[in-house]
Amino acid sequence: MANHNKTGKQGELLAVNYLTDQGFSILHTNWRYSRYEIDIIAERNKILHFIEVKTRRSDRYGLPEESVTAKKFENLSKAAEAFLEENPGWNRIQYDTLAIMLKPGGAEYFLIEDVAL
């Protein structure tokens, strides 16, 4: 497995723990529809969250949250629409980004909630 894939997998495991600590109930991880994937689908306070997780080991190529492009959110939206067709009944949804920076002493988390598409 390539190093960036290992970093991504490590970040997704850390994300589940972090989000659970923040009061989220994790419903799905790596939910797939066609060629699209949602890193984490979670619920908190009767709101369904579609969460994109980005993890980096350094800021050499920018902060993790800076790598979430409009195209990425377009793909996330397509997958979310498919999820909602299969799982109707949610009145409120939102799109979030969880940026994780891995540091020698631990991880730093930056949750950006309700990202506009």
PDB file of N, CA and C in Angstrom:
ATOM      1  N   MET A   1       0.845  -1.175   0.000  1.00  0.00           N
ATOM      2  CA  MET A   1       0.000   0.000   0.000  1.00  0.00           C
ATOM      3  C   MET A   1       0.891   1.240   0.000  1.00  0.00           C
ATOM      4  N   ALA A   2       0.575   2.190  -0.848  1.00  0.00           N
ATOM      5  CA  ALA A   2       1.361   3.423  -0.930  1.00  0.00           C
ATOM      6  C   ALA A   2       1.258   4.202   0.371  1.00  0.00           C
ATOM      7  N   ASN A   3       2.291   4.995   0.649  1.00  0.00           N
ATOM      8  CA  ASN A   3       2.348   5.743   1.905  1.00  0.00           C
ATOM      9  C   ASN A   3       1.154   6.680   2.075  1.00  0.00           C
ATOM     10  N   HIS A   4       0.733   7.346   0.985  1.00  0.00           N
ATOM     11  CA  HIS A   4      -0.405   8.263   1.113  1.00  0.00           C
ATOM     12  C   HIS A   4      -1.700   7.496   1.404  1.00  0.00           C
ATOM     13  N   ASN A   5      -1.807   6.264   0.922  1.00  0.00           N
ATOM     14  CA  ASN A   5      -2.985   5.450   1.240  1.00  0.00           C
ATOM     15  C   ASN A   5      -2.989   5.045   2.714  1.00  0.00           C
ATOM     16  N   LYS A   6      -1.796   4.734   3.243  1.00  0.00           N
ATOM     17  CA  LYS A   6      -1.685   4.398   4.667  1.00  0.00           C
ATOM     18  C   LYS A   6      -2.075   5.598   5.526  1.00  0.00           C
ATOM     19  N   THR A   7      -1.623   6.769   5.120  1.00  0.00           N
ATOM     20  CA  THR A   7      -1.970   7.989   5.850  1.00  0.00           C
ATOM     21  C   THR A   7      -3.478   8.205   5.824  1.00  0.00           C
ATOM     22  N   GLY A   8      -4.086   8.011   4.673  1.00  0.00           N
ATOM     23  CA  GLY A   8      -5.526   8.174   4.551  1.00  0.00           C
ATOM     24  C   GLY A   8      -6.298   7.205   5.421  1.00  0.00           C
ATOM     25  N   LYS A   9      -5.892   5.946   5.418  1.00  0.00           N
ATOM     26  CA  LYS A   9      -6.563   4.938   6.248  1.00  0.00           C
ATOM     27  C   LYS A   9      -6.394   5.256   7.736  1.00  0.00           C
ATOM     28  N   GLN A  10      -5.191   5.679   8.119  1.00  0.00           N
ATOM     29  CA  GLN A  10      -4.955   6.049   9.510  1.00  0.00           C
ATOM     30  C   GLN A  10      -5.843   7.233   9.889  1.00  0.00           C
ATOM     31  N   GLY A  11      -5.946   8.201   9.000  1.00  0.00           N
ATOM     32  CA  GLY A  11      -6.788   9.369   9.248  1.00  0.00           C
ATOM     33  C   GLY A  11      -8.250   9.005   9.412  1.00  0.00           C
ATOM     34  N   GLU A  12      -8.738   8.075   8.603  1.00  0.00           N
ATOM     35  CA  GLU A  12     -10.140   7.683   8.711  1.00  0.00           C
ATOM     36  C   GLU A  12     -10.425   6.971  10.028  1.00  0.00           C
ATOM     37  N   LEU A  13      -9.479   6.171  10.519  1.00  0.00           N
ATOM     38  CA  LEU A  13      -9.650   5.533  11.830  1.00  0.00           C
ATOM     39  C   LEU A  13      -9.653   6.582  12.943  1.00  0.00           C
ATOM     40  N   LEU A  14      -8.740   7.537  12.869  1.00  0.00           N
ATOM     41  CA  LEU A  14      -8.709   8.619  13.851  1.00  0.00           C
ATOM     42  C   LEU A  14      -9.994   9.448  13.783  1.00  0.00           C
ATOM     43  N   ALA A  15     -10.489   9.660  12.575  1.00  0.00           N
ATOM     44  CA  ALA A  15     -11.701  10.457  12.382  1.00  0.00           C
ATOM     45  C   ALA A  15     -12.907   9.827  13.076  1.00  0.00           C
ATOM     46  N   VAL A  16     -13.044   8.521  12.949  1.00  0.00           N
ATOM     47  CA  VAL A  16     -14.167   7.830  13.596  1.00  0.00           C
ATOM     48  C   VAL A  16     -14.113   8.055  15.102  1.00  0.00           C
ATOM     49  N   ASN A  17     -12.940   7.899  15.697  1.00  0.00           N
ATOM     50  CA  ASN A  17     -12.792   8.105  17.141  1.00  0.00           C
ATOM     51  C   ASN A  17     -13.073   9.553  17.532  1.00  0.00           C
ATOM     52  N   TYR A  18     -12.532  10.492  16.765  1.00  0.00           N
ATOM     53  CA  TYR A  18     -12.738  11.911  17.051  1.00  0.00           C
ATOM     54  C   TYR A  18     -14.218  12.277  16.961  1.00  0.00           C
ATOM     55  N   LEU A  19     -14.861  11.866  15.887  1.00  0.00           N
ATOM     56  CA  LEU A  19     -16.268  12.217  15.697  1.00  0.00           C
ATOM     57  C   LEU A  19     -17.152  11.588  16.770  1.00  0.00           C
ATOM     58  N   THR A  20     -16.854  10.356  17.138  1.00  0.00           N
ATOM     59  CA  THR A  20     -17.605   9.709  18.213  1.00  0.00           C
ATOM     60  C   THR A  20     -17.458  10.503  19.513  1.00  0.00           C
ATOM     61  N   ASP A  21     -16.244  10.951  19.798  1.00  0.00           N
ATOM     62  CA  ASP A  21     -16.001  11.770  20.992  1.00  0.00           C
ATOM     63  C   ASP A  21     -16.762  13.100  20.932  1.00  0.00           C
ATOM     64  N   GLN A  22     -17.044  13.579  19.721  1.00  0.00           N
ATOM     65  CA  GLN A  22     -17.763  14.842  19.537  1.00  0.00           C
ATOM     66  C   GLN A  22     -19.276  14.654  19.515  1.00  0.00           C
ATOM     67  N   GLY A  23     -19.741  13.440  19.773  1.00  0.00           N
ATOM     68  CA  GLY A  23     -21.177  13.192  19.863  1.00  0.00           C
ATOM     69  C   GLY A  23     -21.835  12.678  18.603  1.00  0.00           C
ATOM     70  N   PHE A  24     -21.054  12.353  17.596  1.00  0.00           N
ATOM     71  CA  PHE A  24     -21.610  11.794  16.364  1.00  0.00           C
ATOM     72  C   PHE A  24     -21.836  10.294  16.527  1.00  0.00           C
ATOM     73  N   SER A  25     -22.873   9.792  15.890  1.00  0.00           N
ATOM     74  CA  SER A  25     -23.083   8.351  15.750  1.00  0.00           C
ATOM     75  C   SER A  25     -22.668   7.987  14.340  1.00  0.00           C
ATOM     76  N   ILE A  26     -21.691   7.129  14.207  1.00  0.00           N
ATOM     77  CA  ILE A  26     -21.180   6.734  12.895  1.00  0.00           C
ATOM     78  C   ILE A  26     -22.129   5.703  12.292  1.00  0.00           C
ATOM     79  N   LEU A  27     -22.658   5.997  11.117  1.00  0.00           N
ATOM     80  CA  LEU A  27     -23.571   5.086  10.436  1.00  0.00           C
ATOM     81  C   LEU A  27     -22.846   4.233   9.400  1.00  0.00           C
ATOM     82  N   HIS A  28     -21.924   4.849   8.663  1.00  0.00           N
ATOM     83  CA  HIS A  28     -21.180   4.136   7.614  1.00  0.00           C
ATOM     84  C   HIS A  28     -19.796   4.758   7.462  1.00  0.00           C
ATOM     85  N   THR A  29     -18.839   3.924   7.089  1.00  0.00           N
ATOM     86  CA  THR A  29     -17.532   4.417   6.658  1.00  0.00           C
ATOM     87  C   THR A  29     -17.277   3.862   5.260  1.00  0.00           C
ATOM     88  N   ASN A  30     -16.656   4.674   4.437  1.00  0.00           N
ATOM     89  CA  ASN A  30     -16.313   4.305   3.061  1.00  0.00           C
ATOM     90  C   ASN A  30     -17.527   3.768   2.294  1.00  0.00           C
ATOM     91  N   TRP A  31     -18.635   4.500   2.387  1.00  0.00           N
ATOM     92  CA  TRP A  31     -19.855   4.108   1.682  1.00  0.00           C
ATOM     93  C   TRP A  31     -19.682   4.419   0.199  1.00  0.00           C
ATOM     94  N   ARG A  32     -19.951   3.430  -0.641  1.00  0.00           N
ATOM     95  CA  ARG A  32     -19.708   3.590  -2.080  1.00  0.00           C
ATOM     96  C   ARG A  32     -21.000   3.558  -2.881  1.00  0.00           C
ATOM     97  N   TYR A  33     -20.982   4.383  -3.920  1.00  0.00           N
ATOM     98  CA  TYR A  33     -22.019   4.376  -4.937  1.00  0.00           C
ATOM     99  C   TYR A  33     -21.308   4.595  -6.262  1.00  0.00           C
ATOM    100  N   SER A  34     -21.436   3.620  -7.156  1.00  0.00           N
ATOM    101  CA  SER A  34     -20.766   3.696  -8.448  1.00  0.00           C
ATOM    102  C   SER A  34     -19.277   3.944  -8.205  1.00  0.00           C
ATOM    103  N   ARG A  35     -18.743   5.004  -8.778  1.00  0.00           N
ATOM    104  CA  ARG A  35     -17.313   5.290  -8.573  1.00  0.00           C
ATOM    105  C   ARG A  35     -17.080   6.326  -7.460  1.00  0.00           C
ATOM    106  N   TYR A  36     -18.140   6.692  -6.776  1.00  0.00           N
ATOM    107  CA  TYR A  36     -18.063   7.714  -5.733  1.00  0.00           C
ATOM    108  C   TYR A  36     -17.999   7.066  -4.353  1.00  0.00           C
ATOM    109  N   GLU A  37     -17.401   7.779  -3.408  1.00  0.00           N
ATOM    110  CA  GLU A  37     -17.292   7.264  -2.051  1.00  0.00           C
ATOM    111  C   GLU A  37     -17.500   8.402  -1.052  1.00  0.00           C
ATOM    112  N   ILE A  38     -18.177   8.075   0.032  1.00  0.00           N
ATOM    113  CA  ILE A  38     -18.324   9.000   1.156  1.00  0.00           C
ATOM    114  C   ILE A  38     -17.486   8.422   2.290  1.00  0.00           C
ATOM    115  N   ASP A  39     -16.545   9.207   2.785  1.00  0.00           N
ATOM    116  CA  ASP A  39     -15.649   8.697   3.820  1.00  0.00           C
ATOM    117  C   ASP A  39     -16.423   8.279   5.068  1.00  0.00           C
ATOM    118  N   ILE A  40     -17.253   9.193   5.580  1.00  0.00           N
ATOM    119  CA  ILE A  40     -18.024   8.898   6.778  1.00  0.00           C
ATOM    120  C   ILE A  40     -19.421   9.484   6.650  1.00  0.00           C
ATOM    121  N   ILE A  41     -20.400   8.677   7.000  1.00  0.00           N
ATOM    122  CA  ILE A  41     -21.778   9.143   7.129  1.00  0.00           C
ATOM    123  C   ILE A  41     -22.119   8.993   8.600  1.00  0.00           C
ATOM    124  N   ALA A  42     -22.546  10.097   9.208  1.00  0.00           N
ATOM    125  CA  ALA A  42     -22.805  10.097  10.644  1.00  0.00           C
ATOM    126  C   ALA A  42     -24.054  10.907  10.947  1.00  0.00           C
ATOM    127  N   GLU A  43     -24.555  10.712  12.167  1.00  0.00           N
ATOM    128  CA  GLU A  43     -25.731  11.451  12.623  1.00  0.00           C
ATOM    129  C   GLU A  43     -25.411  12.108  13.951  1.00  0.00           C
ATOM    130  N   ARG A  44     -25.884  13.337  14.107  1.00  0.00           N
ATOM    131  CA  ARG A  44     -25.803  14.038  15.388  1.00  0.00           C
ATOM    132  C   ARG A  44     -26.942  15.034  15.436  1.00  0.00           C
ATOM    133  N   ASN A  45     -27.687  15.009  16.522  1.00  0.00           N
ATOM    134  CA  ASN A  45     -28.807  15.939  16.719  1.00  0.00           C
ATOM    135  C   ASN A  45     -29.805  15.904  15.565  1.00  0.00           C
ATOM    136  N   LYS A  46     -30.103  14.701  15.088  1.00  0.00           N
ATOM    137  CA  LYS A  46     -31.080  14.464  14.017  1.00  0.00           C
ATOM    138  C   LYS A  46     -30.675  15.082  12.682  1.00  0.00           C
ATOM    139  N   ILE A  47     -29.385  15.361  12.521  1.00  0.00           N
ATOM    140  CA  ILE A  47     -28.842  15.864  11.257  1.00  0.00           C
ATOM    141  C   ILE A  47     -27.937  14.777  10.687  1.00  0.00           C
ATOM    142  N   LEU A  48     -28.119  14.479   9.402  1.00  0.00           N
ATOM    143  CA  LEU A  48     -27.274  13.516   8.715  1.00  0.00           C
ATOM    144  C   LEU A  48     -26.069  14.257   8.141  1.00  0.00           C
ATOM    145  N   HIS A  49     -24.869  13.775   8.476  1.00  0.00           N
ATOM    146  CA  HIS A  49     -23.627  14.424   8.047  1.00  0.00           C
ATOM    147  C   HIS A  49     -22.890  13.535   7.047  1.00  0.00           C
ATOM    148  N   PHE A  50     -22.537  14.115   5.917  1.00  0.00           N
ATOM    149  CA  PHE A  50     -21.669  13.468   4.934  1.00  0.00           C
ATOM    150  C   PHE A  50     -20.300  14.119   5.115  1.00  0.00           C
ATOM    151  N   ILE A  51     -19.324  13.325   5.565  1.00  0.00           N
ATOM    152  CA  ILE A  51     -18.051  13.893   6.009  1.00  0.00           C
ATOM    153  C   ILE A  51     -16.901  13.419   5.126  1.00  0.00           C
ATOM    154  N   GLU A  52     -16.199  14.373   4.572  1.00  0.00           N
ATOM    155  CA  GLU A  52     -14.987  14.125   3.802  1.00  0.00           C
ATOM    156  C   GLU A  52     -13.803  14.273   4.752  1.00  0.00           C
ATOM    157  N   VAL A  53     -12.963  13.261   4.819  1.00  0.00           N
ATOM    158  CA  VAL A  53     -11.799  13.273   5.712  1.00  0.00           C
ATOM    159  C   VAL A  53     -10.539  13.458   4.867  1.00  0.00           C
ATOM    160  N   LYS A  54      -9.716  14.414   5.263  1.00  0.00           N
ATOM    161  CA  LYS A  54      -8.430  14.637   4.604  1.00  0.00           C
ATOM    162  C   LYS A  54      -7.335  14.647   5.662  1.00  0.00           C
ATOM    163  N   THR A  55      -6.307  13.857   5.427  1.00  0.00           N
ATOM    164  CA  THR A  55      -5.233  13.702   6.400  1.00  0.00           C
ATOM    165  C   THR A  55      -3.894  13.984   5.740  1.00  0.00           C
ATOM    166  N   ARG A  56      -3.046  14.689   6.460  1.00  0.00           N
ATOM    167  CA  ARG A  56      -1.690  14.974   5.978  1.00  0.00           C
ATOM    168  C   ARG A  56      -0.695  14.779   7.106  1.00  0.00           C
ATOM    169  N   ARG A  57       0.552  14.524   6.720  1.00  0.00           N
ATOM    170  CA  ARG A  57       1.639  14.407   7.696  1.00  0.00           C
ATOM    171  C   ARG A  57       2.450  15.694   7.799  1.00  0.00           C
ATOM    172  N   SER A  58       2.290  16.582   6.818  1.00  0.00           N
ATOM    173  CA  SER A  58       2.973  17.875   6.860  1.00  0.00           C
ATOM    174  C   SER A  58       2.161  18.849   6.014  1.00  0.00           C
ATOM    175  N   ASP A  59       2.544  20.117   6.105  1.00  0.00           N
ATOM    176  CA  ASP A  59       1.853  21.119   5.288  1.00  0.00           C
ATOM    177  C   ASP A  59       2.666  21.489   4.047  1.00  0.00           C
ATOM    178  N   ARG A  60       3.590  20.609   3.672  1.00  0.00           N
ATOM    179  CA  ARG A  60       4.436  20.851   2.498  1.00  0.00           C
ATOM    180  C   ARG A  60       3.592  21.140   1.251  1.00  0.00           C
ATOM    181  N   TYR A  61       2.489  20.430   1.107  1.00  0.00           N
ATOM    182  CA  TYR A  61       1.628  20.613  -0.064  1.00  0.00           C
ATOM    183  C   TYR A  61       0.329  21.324   0.306  1.00  0.00           C
ATOM    184  N   GLY A  62       0.335  22.032   1.423  1.00  0.00           N
ATOM    185  CA  GLY A  62      -0.838  22.765   1.872  1.00  0.00           C
ATOM    186  C   GLY A  62      -1.535  22.026   3.009  1.00  0.00           C
ATOM    187  N   LEU A  63      -2.496  22.696   3.586  1.00  0.00           N
ATOM    188  CA  LEU A  63      -3.267  22.110   4.676  1.00  0.00           C
ATOM    189  C   LEU A  63      -4.232  21.065   4.130  1.00  0.00           C
ATOM    190  N   PRO A  64      -4.595  20.085   4.937  1.00  0.00           N
ATOM    191  CA  PRO A  64      -5.469  19.020   4.424  1.00  0.00           C
ATOM    192  C   PRO A  64      -6.788  19.545   3.866  1.00  0.00           C
ATOM    193  N   GLU A  65      -7.380  20.504   4.558  1.00  0.00           N
ATOM    194  CA  GLU A  65      -8.682  21.021   4.100  1.00  0.00           C
ATOM    195  C   GLU A  65      -8.601  21.743   2.759  1.00  0.00           C
ATOM    196  N   GLU A  66      -7.413  22.197   2.389  1.00  0.00           N
ATOM    197  CA  GLU A  66      -7.248  22.886   1.116  1.00  0.00           C
ATOM    198  C   GLU A  66      -7.322  21.931  -0.071  1.00  0.00           C
ATOM    199  N   SER A  67      -7.224  20.634   0.191  1.00  0.00           N
ATOM    200  CA  SER A  67      -7.255  19.671  -0.910  1.00  0.00           C
ATOM    201  C   SER A  67      -8.671  19.195  -1.251  1.00  0.00           C
ATOM    202  N   VAL A  68      -9.662  19.719  -0.552  1.00  0.00           N
ATOM    203  CA  VAL A  68     -11.054  19.373  -0.870  1.00  0.00           C
ATOM    204  C   VAL A  68     -11.537  20.362  -1.923  1.00  0.00           C
ATOM    205  N   THR A  69     -11.600  19.876  -3.149  1.00  0.00           N
ATOM    206  CA  THR A  69     -11.926  20.735  -4.282  1.00  0.00           C
ATOM    207  C   THR A  69     -13.429  20.759  -4.563  1.00  0.00           C
ATOM    208  N   ALA A  70     -13.837  21.668  -5.427  1.00  0.00           N
ATOM    209  CA  ALA A  70     -15.234  21.728  -5.853  1.00  0.00           C
ATOM    210  C   ALA A  70     -15.635  20.419  -6.527  1.00  0.00           C
ATOM    211  N   LYS A  71     -14.747  19.831  -7.301  1.00  0.00           N
ATOM    212  CA  LYS A  71     -15.022  18.553  -7.964  1.00  0.00           C
ATOM    213  C   LYS A  71     -15.248  17.453  -6.934  1.00  0.00           C
ATOM    214  N   LYS A  72     -14.448  17.462  -5.877  1.00  0.00           N
ATOM    215  CA  LYS A  72     -14.615  16.459  -4.818  1.00  0.00           C
ATOM    216  C   LYS A  72     -15.988  16.594  -4.174  1.00  0.00           C
ATOM    217  N   PHE A  73     -16.410  17.829  -3.916  1.00  0.00           N
ATOM    218  CA  PHE A  73     -17.732  18.034  -3.317  1.00  0.00           C
ATOM    219  C   PHE A  73     -18.857  17.715  -4.290  1.00  0.00           C
ATOM    220  N   GLU A  74     -18.624  17.909  -5.556  1.00  0.00           N
ATOM    221  CA  GLU A  74     -19.618  17.507  -6.559  1.00  0.00           C
ATOM    222  C   GLU A  74     -19.806  15.988  -6.508  1.00  0.00           C
ATOM    223  N   ASN A  75     -18.710  15.259  -6.433  1.00  0.00           N
ATOM    224  CA  ASN A  75     -18.773  13.794  -6.333  1.00  0.00           C
ATOM    225  C   ASN A  75     -19.423  13.358  -5.019  1.00  0.00           C
ATOM    226  N   LEU A  76     -19.090  14.035  -3.945  1.00  0.00           N
ATOM    227  CA  LEU A  76     -19.690  13.739  -2.643  1.00  0.00           C
ATOM    228  C   LEU A  76     -21.200  13.955  -2.693  1.00  0.00           C
ATOM    229  N   SER A  77     -21.613  15.008  -3.353  1.00  0.00           N
ATOM    230  CA  SER A  77     -23.032  15.314  -3.488  1.00  0.00           C
ATOM    231  C   SER A  77     -23.766  14.233  -4.284  1.00  0.00           C
ATOM    232  N   LYS A  78     -23.160  13.744  -5.338  1.00  0.00           N
ATOM    233  CA  LYS A  78     -23.772  12.672  -6.135  1.00  0.00           C
ATOM    234  C   LYS A  78     -23.951  11.410  -5.303  1.00  0.00           C
ATOM    235  N   ALA A  79     -22.930  11.069  -4.538  1.00  0.00           N
ATOM    236  CA  ALA A  79     -23.024   9.893  -3.673  1.00  0.00           C
ATOM    237  C   ALA A  79     -24.069  10.115  -2.584  1.00  0.00           C
ATOM    238  N   ALA A  80     -24.128  11.310  -2.034  1.00  0.00           N
ATOM    239  CA  ALA A  80     -25.102  11.619  -0.987  1.00  0.00           C
ATOM    240  C   ALA A  80     -26.533  11.500  -1.519  1.00  0.00           C
ATOM    241  N   GLU A  81     -26.756  11.967  -2.739  1.00  0.00           N
ATOM    242  CA  GLU A  81     -28.086  11.834  -3.347  1.00  0.00           C
ATOM    243  C   GLU A  81     -28.478  10.365  -3.464  1.00  0.00           C
ATOM    244  N   ALA A  82     -27.547   9.530  -3.863  1.00  0.00           N
ATOM    245  CA  ALA A  82     -27.819   8.096  -3.967  1.00  0.00           C
ATOM    246  C   ALA A  82     -28.113   7.506  -2.593  1.00  0.00           C
ATOM    247  N   PHE A  83     -27.342   7.908  -1.587  1.00  0.00           N
ATOM    248  CA  PHE A  83     -27.575   7.419  -0.233  1.00  0.00           C
ATOM    249  C   PHE A  83     -28.977   7.802   0.233  1.00  0.00           C
ATOM    250  N   LEU A  84     -29.380   9.032  -0.024  1.00  0.00           N
ATOM    251  CA  LEU A  84     -30.687   9.507   0.417  1.00  0.00           C
ATOM    252  C   LEU A  84     -31.828   8.810  -0.320  1.00  0.00           C
ATOM    253  N   GLU A  85     -31.602   8.428  -1.568  1.00  0.00           N
ATOM    254  CA  GLU A  85     -32.617   7.646  -2.283  1.00  0.00           C
ATOM    255  C   GLU A  85     -32.810   6.288  -1.636  1.00  0.00           C
ATOM    256  N   GLU A  86     -31.704   5.683  -1.196  1.00  0.00           N
ATOM    257  CA  GLU A  86     -31.758   4.373  -0.544  1.00  0.00           C
ATOM    258  C   GLU A  86     -32.196   4.464   0.916  1.00  0.00           C
ATOM    259  N   ASN A  87     -32.000   5.620   1.519  1.00  0.00           N
ATOM    260  CA  ASN A  87     -32.279   5.823   2.944  1.00  0.00           C
ATOM    261  C   ASN A  87     -33.083   7.109   3.136  1.00  0.00           C
ATOM    262  N   PRO A  88     -34.334   7.125   2.710  1.00  0.00           N
ATOM    263  CA  PRO A  88     -35.136   8.352   2.803  1.00  0.00           C
ATOM    264  C   PRO A  88     -35.521   8.660   4.260  1.00  0.00           C
ATOM    265  N   GLY A  89     -36.054   9.844   4.445  1.00  0.00           N
ATOM    266  CA  GLY A  89     -36.593  10.211   5.742  1.00  0.00           C
ATOM    267  C   GLY A  89     -35.765  11.221   6.512  1.00  0.00           C
ATOM    268  N   TRP A  90     -34.630  11.611   5.967  1.00  0.00           N
ATOM    269  CA  TRP A  90     -33.806  12.607   6.655  1.00  0.00           C
ATOM    270  C   TRP A  90     -34.298  13.999   6.288  1.00  0.00           C
ATOM    271  N   ASN A  91     -34.639  14.805   7.280  1.00  0.00           N
ATOM    272  CA  ASN A  91     -35.106  16.167   7.033  1.00  0.00           C
ATOM    273  C   ASN A  91     -33.967  17.159   6.890  1.00  0.00           C
ATOM    274  N   ARG A  92     -32.871  16.880   7.582  1.00  0.00           N
ATOM    275  CA  ARG A  92     -31.738  17.806   7.550  1.00  0.00           C
ATOM    276  C   ARG A  92     -30.462  17.039   7.255  1.00  0.00           C
ATOM    277  N   ILE A  93     -29.693  17.566   6.317  1.00  0.00           N
ATOM    278  CA  ILE A  93     -28.389  17.000   5.991  1.00  0.00           C
ATOM    279  C   ILE A  93     -27.373  18.130   5.936  1.00  0.00           C
ATOM    280  N   GLN A  94     -26.120  17.769   6.079  1.00  0.00           N
ATOM    281  CA  GLN A  94     -25.076  18.748   5.808  1.00  0.00           C
ATOM    282  C   GLN A  94     -23.796  18.040   5.403  1.00  0.00           C
ATOM    283  N   TYR A  95     -22.956  18.795   4.745  1.00  0.00           N
ATOM    284  CA  TYR A  95     -21.668  18.320   4.277  1.00  0.00           C
ATOM    285  C   TYR A  95     -20.584  18.934   5.145  1.00  0.00           C
ATOM    286  N   ASP A  96     -19.671  18.099   5.617  1.00  0.00           N
ATOM    287  CA  ASP A  96     -18.602  18.555   6.498  1.00  0.00           C
ATOM    288  C   ASP A  96     -17.255  18.064   5.971  1.00  0.00           C
ATOM    289  N   THR A  97     -16.205  18.751   6.388  1.00  0.00           N
ATOM    290  CA  THR A  97     -14.843  18.314   6.111  1.00  0.00           C
ATOM    291  C   THR A  97     -14.116  18.187   7.442  1.00  0.00           C
ATOM    292  N   LEU A  98     -13.446  17.063   7.637  1.00  0.00           N
ATOM    293  CA  LEU A  98     -12.607  16.884   8.813  1.00  0.00           C
ATOM    294  C   LEU A  98     -11.161  16.795   8.335  1.00  0.00           C
ATOM    295  N   ALA A  99     -10.390  17.822   8.683  1.00  0.00           N
ATOM    296  CA  ALA A  99      -8.972  17.869   8.327  1.00  0.00           C
ATOM    297  C   ALA A  99      -8.160  17.371   9.518  1.00  0.00           C
ATOM    298  N   ILE A 100      -7.239  16.461   9.251  1.00  0.00           N
ATOM    299  CA  ILE A 100      -6.392  15.900  10.295  1.00  0.00           C
ATOM    300  C   ILE A 100      -4.937  16.081   9.896  1.00  0.00           C
ATOM    301  N   MET A 101      -4.182  16.696  10.805  1.00  0.00           N
ATOM    302  CA  MET A 101      -2.752  16.854  10.600  1.00  0.00           C
ATOM    303  C   MET A 101      -2.055  15.946  11.599  1.00  0.00           C
ATOM    304  N   LEU A 102      -1.314  14.967  11.085  1.00  0.00           N
ATOM    305  CA  LEU A 102      -0.582  14.037  11.945  1.00  0.00           C
ATOM    306  C   LEU A 102       0.746  14.678  12.348  1.00  0.00           C
ATOM    307  N   LYS A 103       0.978  14.727  13.640  1.00  0.00           N
ATOM    308  CA  LYS A 103       2.196  15.331  14.185  1.00  0.00           C
ATOM    309  C   LYS A 103       2.890  14.301  15.072  1.00  0.00           C
ATOM    310  N   PRO A 104       4.173  14.483  15.365  1.00  0.00           N
ATOM    311  CA  PRO A 104       4.868  13.522  16.220  1.00  0.00           C
ATOM    312  C   PRO A 104       4.189  13.319  17.585  1.00  0.00           C
ATOM    313  N   GLY A 105       3.602  14.363  18.148  1.00  0.00           N
ATOM    314  CA  GLY A 105       2.965  14.255  19.458  1.00  0.00           C
ATOM    315  C   GLY A 105       1.510  13.831  19.405  1.00  0.00           C
ATOM    316  N   GLY A 106       0.962  13.601  18.229  1.00  0.00           N
ATOM    317  CA  GLY A 106      -0.450  13.245  18.093  1.00  0.00           C
ATOM    318  C   GLY A 106      -1.055  13.888  16.857  1.00  0.00           C
ATOM    319  N   ALA A 107      -2.352  13.984  16.850  1.00  0.00           N
ATOM    320  CA  ALA A 107      -3.050  14.538  15.683  1.00  0.00           C
ATOM    321  C   ALA A 107      -3.763  15.829  16.057  1.00  0.00           C
ATOM    322  N   GLU A 108      -3.849  16.736  15.086  1.00  0.00           N
ATOM    323  CA  GLU A 108      -4.634  17.963  15.230  1.00  0.00           C
ATOM    324  C   GLU A 108      -5.839  17.837  14.311  1.00  0.00           C
ATOM    325  N   TYR A 109      -7.007  18.213  14.828  1.00  0.00           N
ATOM    326  CA  TYR A 109      -8.258  18.070  14.095  1.00  0.00           C
ATOM    327  C   TYR A 109      -8.861  19.446  13.821  1.00  0.00           C
ATOM    328  N   PHE A 110      -9.440  19.583  12.632  1.00  0.00           N
ATOM    329  CA  PHE A 110     -10.137  20.816  12.265  1.00  0.00           C
ATOM    330  C   PHE A 110     -11.406  20.397  11.532  1.00  0.00           C
ATOM    331  N   LEU A 111     -12.547  20.523  12.216  1.00  0.00           N
ATOM    332  CA  LEU A 111     -13.834  20.136  11.642  1.00  0.00           C
ATOM    333  C   LEU A 111     -14.513  21.367  11.072  1.00  0.00           C
ATOM    334  N   ILE A 112     -14.778  21.339   9.784  1.00  0.00           N
ATOM    335  CA  ILE A 112     -15.474  22.422   9.106  1.00  0.00           C
ATOM    336  C   ILE A 112     -16.870  21.910   8.825  1.00  0.00           C
ATOM    337  N   GLU A 113     -17.853  22.472   9.507  1.00  0.00           N
ATOM    338  CA  GLU A 113     -19.220  21.990   9.392  1.00  0.00           C
ATOM    339  C   GLU A 113     -20.027  22.824   8.410  1.00  0.00           C
ATOM    340  N   ASP A 114     -20.976  22.138   7.795  1.00  0.00           N
ATOM    341  CA  ASP A 114     -21.956  22.760   6.904  1.00  0.00           C
ATOM    342  C   ASP A 114     -21.295  23.529   5.770  1.00  0.00           C
ATOM    343  N   VAL A 115     -20.441  22.816   5.060  1.00  0.00           N
ATOM    344  CA  VAL A 115     -19.747  23.389   3.912  1.00  0.00           C
ATOM    345  C   VAL A 115     -20.738  23.583   2.782  1.00  0.00           C
ATOM    346  N   ALA A 116     -20.770  24.778   2.221  1.00  0.00           N
ATOM    347  CA  ALA A 116     -21.669  25.066   1.101  1.00  0.00           C
ATOM    348  C   ALA A 116     -21.095  24.460  -0.165  1.00  0.00           C
ATOM    349  N   LEU A 117     -21.971  23.863  -0.944  1.00  0.00           N
ATOM    350  CA  LEU A 117     -21.526  23.260  -2.204  1.00  0.00           C
ATOM    351  C   LEU A 117     -21.542  24.270  -3.317  1.00  0.00           C
TER     352      LEU A 117
END
